[in-house]
């Protein structure tokens, strides 16, 4: 299946579905909170030289993001319009707003969190193996 590639602006009814889709999927929360840019405040990230702690870095990133939040809102709304037909959005929103859809989103989040926790120890092995492979190629 591929995207609908809809270029024309959404109708008012489709725009309402786009807003419901963003809310039900959790994307709106990410846009509102800027969670996807919070990684910039992590240790080892670009703000390390700031001399401030993670909390201060996070607050600084949030303030800086707030100036650009509307861009993320527009990008997600435009892409949802481009990606899905109104009929598809009705089905997706209906599912996400249903009890089963809500459980899916919750369960998906828990699955991702548990799997990430249970496999975190493997990341060092993967990095070490990748580094060894690169080192071998450099010789």
C-alpha atoms as a PDB file:
ATOM      1  CA  UNK A   1       0.000   0.000   0.000  1.00  0.00           C
ATOM      2  CA  UNK A   2       1.294   3.475  -0.778  1.00  0.00           C
ATOM      3  CA  UNK A   3       0.346   6.986   0.203  1.00  0.00           C
ATOM      4  CA  UNK A   4      -2.643   8.708  -1.343  1.00  0.00           C
ATOM      5  CA  UNK A   5      -0.377  11.632  -2.420  1.00  0.00           C
ATOM      6  CA  UNK A   6      -3.152  14.202  -2.068  1.00  0.00           C
ATOM      7  CA  UNK A   7      -1.897  17.658  -2.954  1.00  0.00           C
ATOM      8  CA  UNK A   8      -5.062  19.766  -2.549  1.00  0.00           C
ATOM      9  CA  UNK A   9      -5.903  21.310   0.832  1.00  0.00           C
ATOM     10  CA  UNK A  10      -8.203  19.227   3.042  1.00  0.00           C
ATOM     11  CA  UNK A  11     -11.919  19.877   3.242  1.00  0.00           C
ATOM     12  CA  UNK A  12     -13.195  21.083   6.633  1.00  0.00           C
ATOM     13  CA  UNK A  13     -14.416  17.558   7.435  1.00  0.00           C
ATOM     14  CA  UNK A  14     -11.045  16.040   6.506  1.00  0.00           C
ATOM     15  CA  UNK A  15      -9.210  18.706   8.521  1.00  0.00           C
ATOM     16  CA  UNK A  16     -11.318  17.752  11.547  1.00  0.00           C
ATOM     17  CA  UNK A  17     -10.355  14.096  10.995  1.00  0.00           C
ATOM     18  CA  UNK A  18      -6.700  15.068  10.707  1.00  0.00           C
ATOM     19  CA  UNK A  19      -6.922  16.831  14.075  1.00  0.00           C
ATOM     20  CA  UNK A  20      -8.623  13.788  15.625  1.00  0.00           C
ATOM     21  CA  UNK A  21      -5.997  11.507  14.061  1.00  0.00           C
ATOM     22  CA  UNK A  22      -3.127  13.542  15.487  1.00  0.00           C
ATOM     23  CA  UNK A  23      -4.775  13.557  18.922  1.00  0.00           C
ATOM     24  CA  UNK A  24      -5.763   9.878  18.993  1.00  0.00           C
ATOM     25  CA  UNK A  25      -2.390   8.673  17.705  1.00  0.00           C
ATOM     26  CA  UNK A  26      -0.419  10.652  20.287  1.00  0.00           C
ATOM     27  CA  UNK A  27       1.267  12.749  17.626  1.00  0.00           C
ATOM     28  CA  UNK A  28      -0.458  15.905  18.881  1.00  0.00           C
ATOM     29  CA  UNK A  29       1.010  15.349  22.342  1.00  0.00           C
ATOM     30  CA  UNK A  30       4.479  15.026  20.795  1.00  0.00           C
ATOM     31  CA  UNK A  31       3.932  18.241  18.827  1.00  0.00           C
ATOM     32  CA  UNK A  32       2.652  20.087  21.891  1.00  0.00           C
ATOM     33  CA  UNK A  33       5.424  18.872  24.185  1.00  0.00           C
ATOM     34  CA  UNK A  34       8.247  18.690  21.655  1.00  0.00           C
ATOM     35  CA  UNK A  35       9.215  15.216  22.849  1.00  0.00           C
ATOM     36  CA  UNK A  36      10.968  14.424  19.580  1.00  0.00           C
ATOM     37  CA  UNK A  37      13.521  17.226  20.127  1.00  0.00           C
ATOM     38  CA  UNK A  38      14.194  16.419  23.780  1.00  0.00           C
ATOM     39  CA  UNK A  39      17.018  14.104  22.718  1.00  0.00           C
ATOM     40  CA  UNK A  40      19.009  17.242  21.945  1.00  0.00           C
ATOM     41  CA  UNK A  41      19.309  17.798  25.706  1.00  0.00           C
ATOM     42  CA  UNK A  42      20.685  14.326  26.467  1.00  0.00           C
ATOM     43  CA  UNK A  43      24.223  13.859  27.746  1.00  0.00           C
ATOM     44  CA  UNK A  44      26.557  13.576  24.799  1.00  0.00           C
ATOM     45  CA  UNK A  45      24.250  15.716  22.703  1.00  0.00           C
ATOM     46  CA  UNK A  46      24.920  19.121  21.189  1.00  0.00           C
ATOM     47  CA  UNK A  47      24.281  21.006  24.458  1.00  0.00           C
ATOM     48  CA  UNK A  48      26.928  19.185  26.483  1.00  0.00           C
ATOM     49  CA  UNK A  49      29.255  22.163  26.306  1.00  0.00           C
ATOM     50  CA  UNK A  50      26.609  24.362  27.905  1.00  0.00           C
ATOM     51  CA  UNK A  51      27.890  23.472  31.381  1.00  0.00           C
ATOM     52  CA  UNK A  52      24.322  23.052  32.573  1.00  0.00           C
ATOM     53  CA  UNK A  53      22.589  19.956  33.827  1.00  0.00           C
ATOM     54  CA  UNK A  54      20.111  17.847  31.859  1.00  0.00           C
ATOM     55  CA  UNK A  55      17.115  19.614  33.393  1.00  0.00           C
ATOM     56  CA  UNK A  56      18.420  23.025  32.388  1.00  0.00           C
ATOM     57  CA  UNK A  57      19.277  21.715  28.913  1.00  0.00           C
ATOM     58  CA  UNK A  58      15.770  20.251  28.569  1.00  0.00           C
ATOM     59  CA  UNK A  59      14.168  23.552  29.556  1.00  0.00           C
ATOM     60  CA  UNK A  60      16.361  25.432  27.073  1.00  0.00           C
ATOM     61  CA  UNK A  61      15.436  23.017  24.270  1.00  0.00           C
ATOM     62  CA  UNK A  62      11.736  23.352  25.159  1.00  0.00           C
ATOM     63  CA  UNK A  63      11.936  27.157  25.026  1.00  0.00           C
ATOM     64  CA  UNK A  64      13.763  27.048  21.697  1.00  0.00           C
ATOM     65  CA  UNK A  65      11.327  24.476  20.275  1.00  0.00           C
ATOM     66  CA  UNK A  66       8.310  26.593  21.260  1.00  0.00           C
ATOM     67  CA  UNK A  67       9.354  29.189  18.679  1.00  0.00           C
ATOM     68  CA  UNK A  68       9.115  26.532  15.943  1.00  0.00           C
ATOM     69  CA  UNK A  69       6.238  24.371  17.203  1.00  0.00           C
ATOM     70  CA  UNK A  70       3.844  25.685  14.539  1.00  0.00           C
ATOM     71  CA  UNK A  71       6.140  24.301  11.824  1.00  0.00           C
ATOM     72  CA  UNK A  72       5.803  20.767  13.247  1.00  0.00           C
ATOM     73  CA  UNK A  73       2.028  21.223  13.512  1.00  0.00           C
ATOM     74  CA  UNK A  74       1.777  22.306   9.895  1.00  0.00           C
ATOM     75  CA  UNK A  75       4.131  19.581   8.654  1.00  0.00           C
ATOM     76  CA  UNK A  76       2.206  16.809  10.393  1.00  0.00           C
ATOM     77  CA  UNK A  77      -1.175  18.153   9.262  1.00  0.00           C
ATOM     78  CA  UNK A  78      -0.003  18.557   5.666  1.00  0.00           C
ATOM     79  CA  UNK A  79       1.572  15.108   5.622  1.00  0.00           C
ATOM     80  CA  UNK A  80      -1.533  13.454   7.101  1.00  0.00           C
ATOM     81  CA  UNK A  81      -3.583  15.146   4.363  1.00  0.00           C
ATOM     82  CA  UNK A  82      -1.099  14.004   1.696  1.00  0.00           C
ATOM     83  CA  UNK A  83      -0.780  10.470   3.096  1.00  0.00           C
ATOM     84  CA  UNK A  84      -4.397   9.473   3.787  1.00  0.00           C
ATOM     85  CA  UNK A  85      -7.726   9.871   2.072  1.00  0.00           C
ATOM     86  CA  UNK A  86     -10.661  11.115   4.114  1.00  0.00           C
ATOM     87  CA  UNK A  87     -12.131   7.609   4.064  1.00  0.00           C
ATOM     88  CA  UNK A  88      -8.854   6.136   5.355  1.00  0.00           C
ATOM     89  CA  UNK A  89      -8.690   8.733   8.107  1.00  0.00           C
ATOM     90  CA  UNK A  90     -12.259   7.897   9.161  1.00  0.00           C
ATOM     91  CA  UNK A  91     -11.245   4.242   9.522  1.00  0.00           C
ATOM     92  CA  UNK A  92      -7.953   4.984  11.266  1.00  0.00           C
ATOM     93  CA  UNK A  93      -9.511   7.485  13.666  1.00  0.00           C
ATOM     94  CA  UNK A  94     -12.409   5.144  14.363  1.00  0.00           C
ATOM     95  CA  UNK A  95      -9.949   2.416  15.281  1.00  0.00           C
ATOM     96  CA  UNK A  96      -7.612   4.625  17.332  1.00  0.00           C
ATOM     97  CA  UNK A  97     -10.510   6.128  19.286  1.00  0.00           C
ATOM     98  CA  UNK A  98     -12.043   2.705  19.997  1.00  0.00           C
ATOM     99  CA  UNK A  99     -11.196   0.721  23.131  1.00  0.00           C
ATOM    100  CA  UNK A 100      -9.204  -1.748  21.015  1.00  0.00           C
ATOM    101  CA  UNK A 101      -7.320   1.084  19.306  1.00  0.00           C
ATOM    102  CA  UNK A 102      -6.513   2.738  22.627  1.00  0.00           C
ATOM    103  CA  UNK A 103      -5.287  -0.610  23.946  1.00  0.00           C
ATOM    104  CA  UNK A 104      -3.190  -1.062  20.807  1.00  0.00           C
ATOM    105  CA  UNK A 105      -1.487   2.311  21.323  1.00  0.00           C
ATOM    106  CA  UNK A 106      -0.924   1.645  25.012  1.00  0.00           C
ATOM    107  CA  UNK A 107       0.280  -1.890  24.367  1.00  0.00           C
ATOM    108  CA  UNK A 108       2.562  -0.725  21.575  1.00  0.00           C
ATOM    109  CA  UNK A 109       4.146   1.838  23.880  1.00  0.00           C
ATOM    110  CA  UNK A 110       4.650  -0.783  26.601  1.00  0.00           C
ATOM    111  CA  UNK A 111       6.043  -3.288  24.105  1.00  0.00           C
ATOM    112  CA  UNK A 112       8.552  -0.764  22.812  1.00  0.00           C
ATOM    113  CA  UNK A 113       9.554   0.230  26.355  1.00  0.00           C
ATOM    114  CA  UNK A 114       9.942  -3.355  27.597  1.00  0.00           C
ATOM    115  CA  UNK A 115      11.812  -4.522  24.521  1.00  0.00           C
ATOM    116  CA  UNK A 116      14.134  -1.510  24.706  1.00  0.00           C
ATOM    117  CA  UNK A 117      14.838  -2.244  28.370  1.00  0.00           C
ATOM    118  CA  UNK A 118      15.315  -5.963  27.817  1.00  0.00           C
ATOM    119  CA  UNK A 119      17.687  -5.462  24.889  1.00  0.00           C
ATOM    120  CA  UNK A 120      19.593  -2.413  26.111  1.00  0.00           C
ATOM    121  CA  UNK A 121      22.529  -4.564  27.189  1.00  0.00           C
ATOM    122  CA  UNK A 122      22.944  -5.711  23.588  1.00  0.00           C
ATOM    123  CA  UNK A 123      23.637  -2.195  22.330  1.00  0.00           C
ATOM    124  CA  UNK A 124      27.170  -2.248  23.706  1.00  0.00           C
ATOM    125  CA  UNK A 125      27.771  -5.596  21.957  1.00  0.00           C
ATOM    126  CA  UNK A 126      26.411  -4.228  18.689  1.00  0.00           C
ATOM    127  CA  UNK A 127      28.585  -1.119  18.917  1.00  0.00           C
ATOM    128  CA  UNK A 128      31.640  -3.252  19.771  1.00  0.00           C
ATOM    129  CA  UNK A 129      30.968  -5.649  16.871  1.00  0.00           C
ATOM    130  CA  UNK A 130      30.398  -2.774  14.461  1.00  0.00           C
ATOM    131  CA  UNK A 131      33.573  -1.051  15.631  1.00  0.00           C
ATOM    132  CA  UNK A 132      35.562  -4.269  15.246  1.00  0.00           C
ATOM    133  CA  UNK A 133      34.211  -4.660  11.726  1.00  0.00           C
ATOM    134  CA  UNK A 134      35.206  -1.101  10.869  1.00  0.00           C
ATOM    135  CA  UNK A 135      38.633  -1.605  12.439  1.00  0.00           C
ATOM    136  CA  UNK A 136      39.163  -4.767  10.333  1.00  0.00           C
ATOM    137  CA  UNK A 137      38.251  -2.902   7.159  1.00  0.00           C
ATOM    138  CA  UNK A 138      40.668  -0.084   8.011  1.00  0.00           C
ATOM    139  CA  UNK A 139      43.620  -2.478   8.196  1.00  0.00           C
END
